[in-house]
Amino acid sequence: MRRRDEVVLWPVYFDSTKTRSEGRKVPKKLSRPSPNLGLLERAVVNLGYSFKVTMDAAYPRFSWKKSGLILVKKTKPKNRIISEVAQEISRLTV
């Protein structure tokens, strides 16, 4: 079901061990190896977005691995939200 007022953030979007075709959406320099849902949640909280966490969701390409997802209230374009979260994750893991 398409969500027009929310943006879905999967941990794989920020995973440096994945290729672009496997689902990574940010440049390698902004990605981290195997980020977990807790790291994404901390980044989203620090940025001040309202969000919901779904723990038992699986990214469609890796349906056997339940990595979870975060639904962020859409206040900006999706690519800008992803970029801001990636920068915050990079800052948190330094």
PDB file of N, CA and C in Angstrom:
ATOM      1  N   MET A   1       0.836  -1.171   0.000  1.00  0.00           N
ATOM      2  CA  MET A   1       0.000   0.000   0.000  1.00  0.00           C
ATOM      3  C   MET A   1       0.890   1.247   0.000  1.00  0.00           C
ATOM      4  N   ARG A   2       0.636   2.142  -0.888  1.00  0.00           N
ATOM      5  CA  ARG A   2       1.437   3.350  -0.996  1.00  0.00           C
ATOM      6  C   ARG A   2       1.057   4.356   0.086  1.00  0.00           C
ATOM      7  N   ARG A   3       2.054   4.911   0.716  1.00  0.00           N
ATOM      8  CA  ARG A   3       1.843   5.896   1.772  1.00  0.00           C
ATOM      9  C   ARG A   3       2.282   7.258   1.251  1.00  0.00           C
ATOM     10  N   ARG A   4       1.351   8.158   1.089  1.00  0.00           N
ATOM     11  CA  ARG A   4       1.672   9.471   0.543  1.00  0.00           C
ATOM     12  C   ARG A   4       2.180  10.451   1.593  1.00  0.00           C
ATOM     13  N   ASP A   5       1.817  10.225   2.847  1.00  0.00           N
ATOM     14  CA  ASP A   5       2.227  11.163   3.895  1.00  0.00           C
ATOM     15  C   ASP A   5       3.384  10.641   4.740  1.00  0.00           C
ATOM     16  N   GLU A   6       3.961   9.493   4.360  1.00  0.00           N
ATOM     17  CA  GLU A   6       5.070   8.910   5.095  1.00  0.00           C
ATOM     18  C   GLU A   6       6.153   8.438   4.134  1.00  0.00           C
ATOM     19  N   VAL A   7       7.373   8.431   4.626  1.00  0.00           N
ATOM     20  CA  VAL A   7       8.525   7.937   3.873  1.00  0.00           C
ATOM     21  C   VAL A   7       9.033   6.694   4.587  1.00  0.00           C
ATOM     22  N   VAL A   8       9.265   5.625   3.827  1.00  0.00           N
ATOM     23  CA  VAL A   8       9.776   4.386   4.399  1.00  0.00           C
ATOM     24  C   VAL A   8      11.300   4.408   4.343  1.00  0.00           C
ATOM     25  N   LEU A   9      11.932   4.167   5.500  1.00  0.00           N
ATOM     26  CA  LEU A   9      13.389   4.079   5.576  1.00  0.00           C
ATOM     27  C   LEU A   9      13.769   2.660   5.987  1.00  0.00           C
ATOM     28  N   TRP A  10      14.464   1.964   5.112  1.00  0.00           N
ATOM     29  CA  TRP A  10      14.965   0.621   5.391  1.00  0.00           C
ATOM     30  C   TRP A  10      16.445   0.729   5.749  1.00  0.00           C
ATOM     31  N   PRO A  11      16.950  -0.084   6.663  1.00  0.00           N
ATOM     32  CA  PRO A  11      18.382  -0.063   6.987  1.00  0.00           C
ATOM     33  C   PRO A  11      19.278  -0.316   5.770  1.00  0.00           C
ATOM     34  N   VAL A  12      18.805  -1.092   4.822  1.00  0.00           N
ATOM     35  CA  VAL A  12      19.612  -1.398   3.638  1.00  0.00           C
ATOM     36  C   VAL A  12      19.935  -0.137   2.826  1.00  0.00           C
ATOM     37  N   TYR A  13      19.127   0.907   2.933  1.00  0.00           N
ATOM     38  CA  TYR A  13      19.394   2.168   2.222  1.00  0.00           C
ATOM     39  C   TYR A  13      20.742   2.754   2.624  1.00  0.00           C
ATOM     40  N   PHE A  14      21.213   2.450   3.839  1.00  0.00           N
ATOM     41  CA  PHE A  14      22.410   3.061   4.402  1.00  0.00           C
ATOM     42  C   PHE A  14      23.536   2.056   4.612  1.00  0.00           C
ATOM     43  N   ASP A  15      23.437   0.865   4.015  1.00  0.00           N
ATOM     44  CA  ASP A  15      24.376  -0.242   4.226  1.00  0.00           C
ATOM     45  C   ASP A  15      25.497  -0.226   3.186  1.00  0.00           C
ATOM     46  N   SER A  16      26.726   0.009   3.635  1.00  0.00           N
ATOM     47  CA  SER A  16      27.860   0.089   2.705  1.00  0.00           C
ATOM     48  C   SER A  16      28.248  -1.270   2.125  1.00  0.00           C
ATOM     49  N   THR A  17      27.767  -2.371   2.713  1.00  0.00           N
ATOM     50  CA  THR A  17      28.085  -3.691   2.177  1.00  0.00           C
ATOM     51  C   THR A  17      27.165  -4.077   1.019  1.00  0.00           C
ATOM     52  N   LYS A  18      26.154  -3.267   0.761  1.00  0.00           N
ATOM     53  CA  LYS A  18      25.215  -3.527  -0.333  1.00  0.00           C
ATOM     54  C   LYS A  18      25.536  -2.614  -1.519  1.00  0.00           C
ATOM     55  N   THR A  19      25.207  -3.085  -2.707  1.00  0.00           N
ATOM     56  CA  THR A  19      25.380  -2.279  -3.911  1.00  0.00           C
ATOM     57  C   THR A  19      24.122  -1.450  -4.143  1.00  0.00           C
ATOM     58  N   ARG A  20      24.208  -0.530  -5.075  1.00  0.00           N
ATOM     59  CA  ARG A  20      23.025   0.265  -5.418  1.00  0.00           C
ATOM     60  C   ARG A  20      21.898  -0.643  -5.914  1.00  0.00           C
ATOM     61  N   SER A  21      22.242  -1.661  -6.693  1.00  0.00           N
ATOM     62  CA  SER A  21      21.201  -2.553  -7.214  1.00  0.00           C
ATOM     63  C   SER A  21      20.601  -3.444  -6.123  1.00  0.00           C
ATOM     64  N   GLU A  22      21.305  -3.612  -5.011  1.00  0.00           N
ATOM     65  CA  GLU A  22      20.766  -4.381  -3.890  1.00  0.00           C
ATOM     66  C   GLU A  22      19.936  -3.515  -2.938  1.00  0.00           C
ATOM     67  N   GLY A  23      19.928  -2.189  -3.158  1.00  0.00           N
ATOM     68  CA  GLY A  23      19.053  -1.342  -2.369  1.00  0.00           C
ATOM     69  C   GLY A  23      19.690  -0.141  -1.697  1.00  0.00           C
ATOM     70  N   ARG A  24      21.028  -0.025  -1.736  1.00  0.00           N
ATOM     71  CA  ARG A  24      21.646   1.139  -1.091  1.00  0.00           C
ATOM     72  C   ARG A  24      21.269   2.397  -1.847  1.00  0.00           C
ATOM     73  N   LYS A  25      20.900   3.455  -1.124  1.00  0.00           N
ATOM     74  CA  LYS A  25      20.439   4.691  -1.758  1.00  0.00           C
ATOM     75  C   LYS A  25      21.382   5.867  -1.536  1.00  0.00           C
ATOM     76  N   VAL A  26      22.372   5.708  -0.682  1.00  0.00           N
ATOM     77  CA  VAL A  26      23.280   6.816  -0.384  1.00  0.00           C
ATOM     78  C   VAL A  26      24.689   6.477  -0.878  1.00  0.00           C
ATOM     79  N   PRO A  27      25.537   7.494  -1.084  1.00  0.00           N
ATOM     80  CA  PRO A  27      26.916   7.223  -1.506  1.00  0.00           C
ATOM     81  C   PRO A  27      27.663   6.404  -0.445  1.00  0.00           C
ATOM     82  N   LYS A  28      28.679   5.671  -0.887  1.00  0.00           N
ATOM     83  CA  LYS A  28      29.464   4.828   0.030  1.00  0.00           C
ATOM     84  C   LYS A  28      30.044   5.634   1.185  1.00  0.00           C
ATOM     85  N   LYS A  29      30.463   6.883   0.915  1.00  0.00           N
ATOM     86  CA  LYS A  29      31.092   7.677   1.980  1.00  0.00           C
ATOM     87  C   LYS A  29      30.109   8.049   3.096  1.00  0.00           C
ATOM     88  N   LEU A  30      28.803   8.031   2.811  1.00  0.00           N
ATOM     89  CA  LEU A  30      27.791   8.326   3.831  1.00  0.00           C
ATOM     90  C   LEU A  30      27.165   7.065   4.424  1.00  0.00           C
ATOM     91  N   SER A  31      27.513   5.901   3.900  1.00  0.00           N
ATOM     92  CA  SER A  31      26.907   4.661   4.379  1.00  0.00           C
ATOM     93  C   SER A  31      27.802   3.989   5.415  1.00  0.00           C
ATOM     94  N   ARG A  32      27.233   3.066   6.172  1.00  0.00           N
ATOM     95  CA  ARG A  32      27.934   2.329   7.208  1.00  0.00           C
ATOM     96  C   ARG A  32      27.677   0.839   7.018  1.00  0.00           C
ATOM     97  N   PRO A  33      28.640  -0.019   7.400  1.00  0.00           N
ATOM     98  CA  PRO A  33      28.407  -1.458   7.254  1.00  0.00           C
ATOM     99  C   PRO A  33      27.325  -1.957   8.205  1.00  0.00           C
ATOM    100  N   SER A  34      26.351  -2.611   7.662  1.00  0.00           N
ATOM    101  CA  SER A  34      25.257  -3.245   8.398  1.00  0.00           C
ATOM    102  C   SER A  34      24.642  -2.374   9.494  1.00  0.00           C
ATOM    103  N   PRO A  35      24.051  -1.238   9.146  1.00  0.00           N
ATOM    104  CA  PRO A  35      23.403  -0.424  10.175  1.00  0.00           C
ATOM    105  C   PRO A  35      22.155  -1.148  10.691  1.00  0.00           C
ATOM    106  N   ASN A  36      21.864  -0.967  11.965  1.00  0.00           N
ATOM    107  CA  ASN A  36      20.673  -1.606  12.525  1.00  0.00           C
ATOM    108  C   ASN A  36      19.569  -0.575  12.707  1.00  0.00           C
ATOM    109  N   LEU A  37      18.419  -1.048  13.081  1.00  0.00           N
ATOM    110  CA  LEU A  37      17.253  -0.185  13.241  1.00  0.00           C
ATOM    111  C   LEU A  37      17.443   0.815  14.376  1.00  0.00           C
ATOM    112  N   GLY A  38      18.159   0.430  15.409  1.00  0.00           N
ATOM    113  CA  GLY A  38      18.418   1.326  16.525  1.00  0.00           C
ATOM    114  C   GLY A  38      19.223   2.548  16.112  1.00  0.00           C
ATOM    115  N   LEU A  39      20.209   2.349  15.244  1.00  0.00           N
ATOM    116  CA  LEU A  39      21.019   3.459  14.746  1.00  0.00           C
ATOM    117  C   LEU A  39      20.171   4.408  13.902  1.00  0.00           C
ATOM    118  N   LEU A  40      19.335   3.848  13.047  1.00  0.00           N
ATOM    119  CA  LEU A  40      18.440   4.683  12.244  1.00  0.00           C
ATOM    120  C   LEU A  40      17.484   5.457  13.142  1.00  0.00           C
ATOM    121  N   GLU A  41      16.973   4.799  14.165  1.00  0.00           N
ATOM    122  CA  GLU A  41      16.036   5.448  15.068  1.00  0.00           C
ATOM    123  C   GLU A  41      16.706   6.621  15.798  1.00  0.00           C
ATOM    124  N   ARG A  42      17.940   6.429  16.270  1.00  0.00           N
ATOM    125  CA  ARG A  42      18.668   7.524  16.927  1.00  0.00           C
ATOM    126  C   ARG A  42      18.876   8.705  15.988  1.00  0.00           C
ATOM    127  N   ALA A  43      19.204   8.412  14.718  1.00  0.00           N
ATOM    128  CA  ALA A  43      19.415   9.479  13.740  1.00  0.00           C
ATOM    129  C   ALA A  43      18.120  10.253  13.489  1.00  0.00           C
ATOM    130  N   VAL A  44      17.013   9.556  13.351  1.00  0.00           N
ATOM    131  CA  VAL A  44      15.728  10.199  13.087  1.00  0.00           C
ATOM    132  C   VAL A  44      15.294  11.036  14.294  1.00  0.00           C
ATOM    133  N   VAL A  45      15.518  10.531  15.497  1.00  0.00           N
ATOM    134  CA  VAL A  45      15.185  11.280  16.711  1.00  0.00           C
ATOM    135  C   VAL A  45      16.024  12.555  16.769  1.00  0.00           C
ATOM    136  N   ASN A  46      17.321  12.448  16.503  1.00  0.00           N
ATOM    137  CA  ASN A  46      18.210  13.623  16.542  1.00  0.00           C
ATOM    138  C   ASN A  46      17.795  14.683  15.532  1.00  0.00           C
ATOM    139  N   LEU A  47      17.232  14.258  14.405  1.00  0.00           N
ATOM    140  CA  LEU A  47      16.793  15.197  13.373  1.00  0.00           C
ATOM    141  C   LEU A  47      15.424  15.791  13.681  1.00  0.00           C
ATOM    142  N   GLY A  48      14.720  15.237  14.648  1.00  0.00           N
ATOM    143  CA  GLY A  48      13.445  15.798  15.072  1.00  0.00           C
ATOM    144  C   GLY A  48      12.246  15.397  14.235  1.00  0.00           C
ATOM    145  N   TYR A  49      12.349  14.328  13.463  1.00  0.00           N
ATOM    146  CA  TYR A  49      11.213  13.863  12.678  1.00  0.00           C
ATOM    147  C   TYR A  49      10.260  13.050  13.552  1.00  0.00           C
ATOM    148  N   SER A  50       8.966  13.090  13.224  1.00  0.00           N
ATOM    149  CA  SER A  50       8.030  12.180  13.883  1.00  0.00           C
ATOM    150  C   SER A  50       8.033  10.886  13.069  1.00  0.00           C
ATOM    151  N   PHE A  51       8.011   9.745  13.747  1.00  0.00           N
ATOM    152  CA  PHE A  51       8.201   8.471  13.069  1.00  0.00           C
ATOM    153  C   PHE A  51       7.519   7.338  13.808  1.00  0.00           C
ATOM    154  N   LYS A  52       7.418   6.203  13.123  1.00  0.00           N
ATOM    155  CA  LYS A  52       6.927   4.950  13.699  1.00  0.00           C
ATOM    156  C   LYS A  52       7.906   3.854  13.311  1.00  0.00           C
ATOM    157  N   VAL A  53       8.147   2.925  14.208  1.00  0.00           N
ATOM    158  CA  VAL A  53       9.057   1.811  13.947  1.00  0.00           C
ATOM    159  C   VAL A  53       8.246   0.533  13.770  1.00  0.00           C
ATOM    160  N   THR A  54       8.585  -0.238  12.740  1.00  0.00           N
ATOM    161  CA  THR A  54       8.004  -1.560  12.523  1.00  0.00           C
ATOM    162  C   THR A  54       9.152  -2.559  12.574  1.00  0.00           C
ATOM    163  N   MET A  55       9.177  -3.381  13.621  1.00  0.00           N
ATOM    164  CA  MET A  55      10.310  -4.272  13.863  1.00  0.00           C
ATOM    165  C   MET A  55      10.338  -5.510  12.967  1.00  0.00           C
ATOM    166  N   ASP A  56       9.185  -6.056  12.623  1.00  0.00           N
ATOM    167  CA  ASP A  56       9.152  -7.357  11.952  1.00  0.00           C
ATOM    168  C   ASP A  56       8.996  -7.274  10.437  1.00  0.00           C
ATOM    169  N   ALA A  57       9.366  -6.157   9.828  1.00  0.00           N
ATOM    170  CA  ALA A  57       9.247  -6.009   8.377  1.00  0.00           C
ATOM    171  C   ALA A  57      10.546  -6.473   7.696  1.00  0.00           C
ATOM    172  N   ALA A  58      10.408  -7.003   6.496  1.00  0.00           N
ATOM    173  CA  ALA A  58      11.564  -7.458   5.724  1.00  0.00           C
ATOM    174  C   ALA A  58      11.630  -6.688   4.407  1.00  0.00           C
ATOM    175  N   TYR A  59      12.822  -6.208   4.067  1.00  0.00           N
ATOM    176  CA  TYR A  59      13.024  -5.533   2.793  1.00  0.00           C
ATOM    177  C   TYR A  59      12.696  -6.527   1.681  1.00  0.00           C
ATOM    178  N   PRO A  60      11.901  -6.149   0.688  1.00  0.00           N
ATOM    179  CA  PRO A  60      11.431  -7.105  -0.313  1.00  0.00           C
ATOM    180  C   PRO A  60      12.529  -7.929  -1.006  1.00  0.00           C
ATOM    181  N   ARG A  61      13.665  -7.331  -1.255  1.00  0.00           N
ATOM    182  CA  ARG A  61      14.737  -8.060  -1.930  1.00  0.00           C
ATOM    183  C   ARG A  61      15.373  -9.114  -1.022  1.00  0.00           C
ATOM    184  N   PHE A  62      15.321  -8.897   0.293  1.00  0.00           N
ATOM    185  CA  PHE A  62      15.880  -9.834   1.265  1.00  0.00           C
ATOM    186  C   PHE A  62      14.768 -10.292   2.204  1.00  0.00           C
ATOM    187  N   SER A  63      13.786 -10.965   1.660  1.00  0.00           N
ATOM    188  CA  SER A  63      12.570 -11.303   2.409  1.00  0.00           C
ATOM    189  C   SER A  63      12.810 -12.265   3.571  1.00  0.00           C
ATOM    190  N   TRP A  64      13.915 -12.959   3.616  1.00  0.00           N
ATOM    191  CA  TRP A  64      14.217 -13.889   4.692  1.00  0.00           C
ATOM    192  C   TRP A  64      14.846 -13.195   5.909  1.00  0.00           C
ATOM    193  N   LYS A  65      15.241 -11.927   5.771  1.00  0.00           N
ATOM    194  CA  LYS A  65      15.908 -11.194   6.842  1.00  0.00           C
ATOM    195  C   LYS A  65      14.988 -10.076   7.346  1.00  0.00           C
ATOM    196  N   LYS A  66      14.486 -10.215   8.548  1.00  0.00           N
ATOM    197  CA  LYS A  66      13.577  -9.216   9.140  1.00  0.00           C
ATOM    198  C   LYS A  66      14.405  -8.080   9.746  1.00  0.00           C
ATOM    199  N   SER A  67      14.640  -7.043   8.950  1.00  0.00           N
ATOM    200  CA  SER A  67      15.478  -5.931   9.407  1.00  0.00           C
ATOM    201  C   SER A  67      14.659  -4.800  10.015  1.00  0.00           C
ATOM    202  N   GLY A  68      13.366  -4.772   9.771  1.00  0.00           N
ATOM    203  CA  GLY A  68      12.517  -3.702  10.269  1.00  0.00           C
ATOM    204  C   GLY A  68      12.560  -2.489   9.356  1.00  0.00           C
ATOM    205  N   LEU A  69      11.705  -1.511   9.661  1.00  0.00           N
ATOM    206  CA  LEU A  69      11.671  -0.276   8.882  1.00  0.00           C
ATOM    207  C   LEU A  69      11.207   0.859   9.770  1.00  0.00           C
ATOM    208  N   ILE A  70      11.442   2.075   9.300  1.00  0.00           N
ATOM    209  CA  ILE A  70      10.980   3.264   9.999  1.00  0.00           C
ATOM    210  C   ILE A  70      10.125   4.071   9.037  1.00  0.00           C
ATOM    211  N   LEU A  71       8.947   4.464   9.479  1.00  0.00           N
ATOM    212  CA  LEU A  71       8.053   5.324   8.713  1.00  0.00           C
ATOM    213  C   LEU A  71       8.190   6.739   9.257  1.00  0.00           C
ATOM    214  N   VAL A  72       8.675   7.647   8.417  1.00  0.00           N
ATOM    215  CA  VAL A  72       8.901   9.035   8.820  1.00  0.00           C
ATOM    216  C   VAL A  72       7.825   9.902   8.192  1.00  0.00           C
ATOM    217  N   LYS A  73       7.248  10.798   8.981  1.00  0.00           N
ATOM    218  CA  LYS A  73       6.259  11.753   8.459  1.00  0.00           C
ATOM    219  C   LYS A  73       6.916  12.587   7.372  1.00  0.00           C
ATOM    220  N   LYS A  74       6.290  12.646   6.217  1.00  0.00           N
ATOM    221  CA  LYS A  74       6.874  13.328   5.067  1.00  0.00           C
ATOM    222  C   LYS A  74       6.703  14.842   5.196  1.00  0.00           C
ATOM    223  N   THR A  75       7.818  15.519   5.444  1.00  0.00           N
ATOM    224  CA  THR A  75       7.835  16.971   5.513  1.00  0.00           C
ATOM    225  C   THR A  75       8.706  17.566   4.419  1.00  0.00           C
ATOM    226  N   LYS A  76       9.512  16.700   3.786  1.00  0.00           N
ATOM    227  CA  LYS A  76      10.435  17.084   2.710  1.00  0.00           C
ATOM    228  C   LYS A  76      10.418  15.960   1.679  1.00  0.00           C
ATOM    229  N   PRO A  77      11.041  16.170   0.517  1.00  0.00           N
ATOM    230  CA  PRO A  77      11.145  15.064  -0.445  1.00  0.00           C
ATOM    231  C   PRO A  77      11.921  13.880   0.154  1.00  0.00           C
ATOM    232  N   LYS A  78      11.591  12.672  -0.290  1.00  0.00           N
ATOM    233  CA  LYS A  78      12.195  11.462   0.257  1.00  0.00           C
ATOM    234  C   LYS A  78      13.716  11.482   0.144  1.00  0.00           C
ATOM    235  N   ASN A  79      14.240  11.913  -1.001  1.00  0.00           N
ATOM    236  CA  ASN A  79      15.695  11.886  -1.159  1.00  0.00           C
ATOM    237  C   ASN A  79      16.388  12.845  -0.190  1.00  0.00           C
ATOM    238  N   ARG A  80      15.757  13.948   0.174  1.00  0.00           N
ATOM    239  CA  ARG A  80      16.346  14.872   1.139  1.00  0.00           C
ATOM    240  C   ARG A  80      16.326  14.267   2.542  1.00  0.00           C
ATOM    241  N   ILE A  81      15.236  13.595   2.886  1.00  0.00           N
ATOM    242  CA  ILE A  81      15.156  12.939   4.195  1.00  0.00           C
ATOM    243  C   ILE A  81      16.218  11.849   4.298  1.00  0.00           C
ATOM    244  N   ILE A  82      16.356  11.037   3.258  1.00  0.00           N
ATOM    245  CA  ILE A  82      17.364   9.971   3.249  1.00  0.00           C
ATOM    246  C   ILE A  82      18.760  10.560   3.390  1.00  0.00           C
ATOM    247  N   SER A  83      19.026  11.640   2.681  1.00  0.00           N
ATOM    248  CA  SER A  83      20.338  12.281   2.746  1.00  0.00           C
ATOM    249  C   SER A  83      20.628  12.818   4.150  1.00  0.00           C
ATOM    250  N   GLU A  84      19.653  13.459   4.767  1.00  0.00           N
ATOM    251  CA  GLU A  84      19.836  13.990   6.122  1.00  0.00           C
ATOM    252  C   GLU A  84      20.059  12.874   7.133  1.00  0.00           C
ATOM    253  N   VAL A  85      19.308  11.785   7.003  1.00  0.00           N
ATOM    254  CA  VAL A  85      19.477  10.657   7.915  1.00  0.00           C
ATOM    255  C   VAL A  85      20.862  10.034   7.720  1.00  0.00           C
ATOM    256  N   ALA A  86      21.311   9.909   6.474  1.00  0.00           N
ATOM    257  CA  ALA A  86      22.635   9.349   6.194  1.00  0.00           C
ATOM    258  C   ALA A  86      23.736  10.211   6.804  1.00  0.00           C
ATOM    259  N   GLN A  87      23.599  11.519   6.699  1.00  0.00           N
ATOM    260  CA  GLN A  87      24.596  12.414   7.290  1.00  0.00           C
ATOM    261  C   GLN A  87      24.599  12.299   8.815  1.00  0.00           C
ATOM    262  N   GLU A  88      23.432  12.166   9.400  1.00  0.00           N
ATOM    263  CA  GLU A  88      23.338  12.017  10.857  1.00  0.00           C
ATOM    264  C   GLU A  88      23.918  10.681  11.304  1.00  0.00           C
ATOM    265  N   ILE A  89      23.665   9.608  10.559  1.00  0.00           N
ATOM    266  CA  ILE A  89      24.248   8.305  10.884  1.00  0.00           C
ATOM    267  C   ILE A  89      25.763   8.394  10.803  1.00  0.00           C
ATOM    268  N   SER A  90      26.258   9.050   9.784  1.00  0.00           N
ATOM    269  CA  SER A  90      27.701   9.219   9.626  1.00  0.00           C
ATOM    270  C   SER A  90      28.279   9.974  10.819  1.00  0.00           C
ATOM    271  N   ARG A  91      27.576  10.996  11.276  1.00  0.00           N
ATOM    272  CA  ARG A  91      28.034  11.780  12.421  1.00  0.00           C
ATOM    273  C   ARG A  91      27.995  10.963  13.715  1.00  0.00           C
ATOM    274  N   LEU A  92      26.955  10.121  13.860  1.00  0.00           N
ATOM    275  CA  LEU A  92      26.807   9.313  15.068  1.00  0.00           C
ATOM    276  C   LEU A  92      27.856   8.211  15.182  1.00  0.00           C
ATOM    277  N   THR A  93      28.326   7.696  14.067  1.00  0.00           N
ATOM    278  CA  THR A  93      29.234   6.550  14.093  1.00  0.00           C
ATOM    279  C   THR A  93      30.704   6.934  13.995  1.00  0.00           C
ATOM    280  N   VAL A  94      30.991   8.218  14.018  1.00  0.00           N
ATOM    281  CA  VAL A  94      32.403   8.641  13.948  1.00  0.00           C
ATOM    282  C   VAL A  94      33.070   8.491  15.277  1.00  0.00           C
TER     283      VAL A  94
END
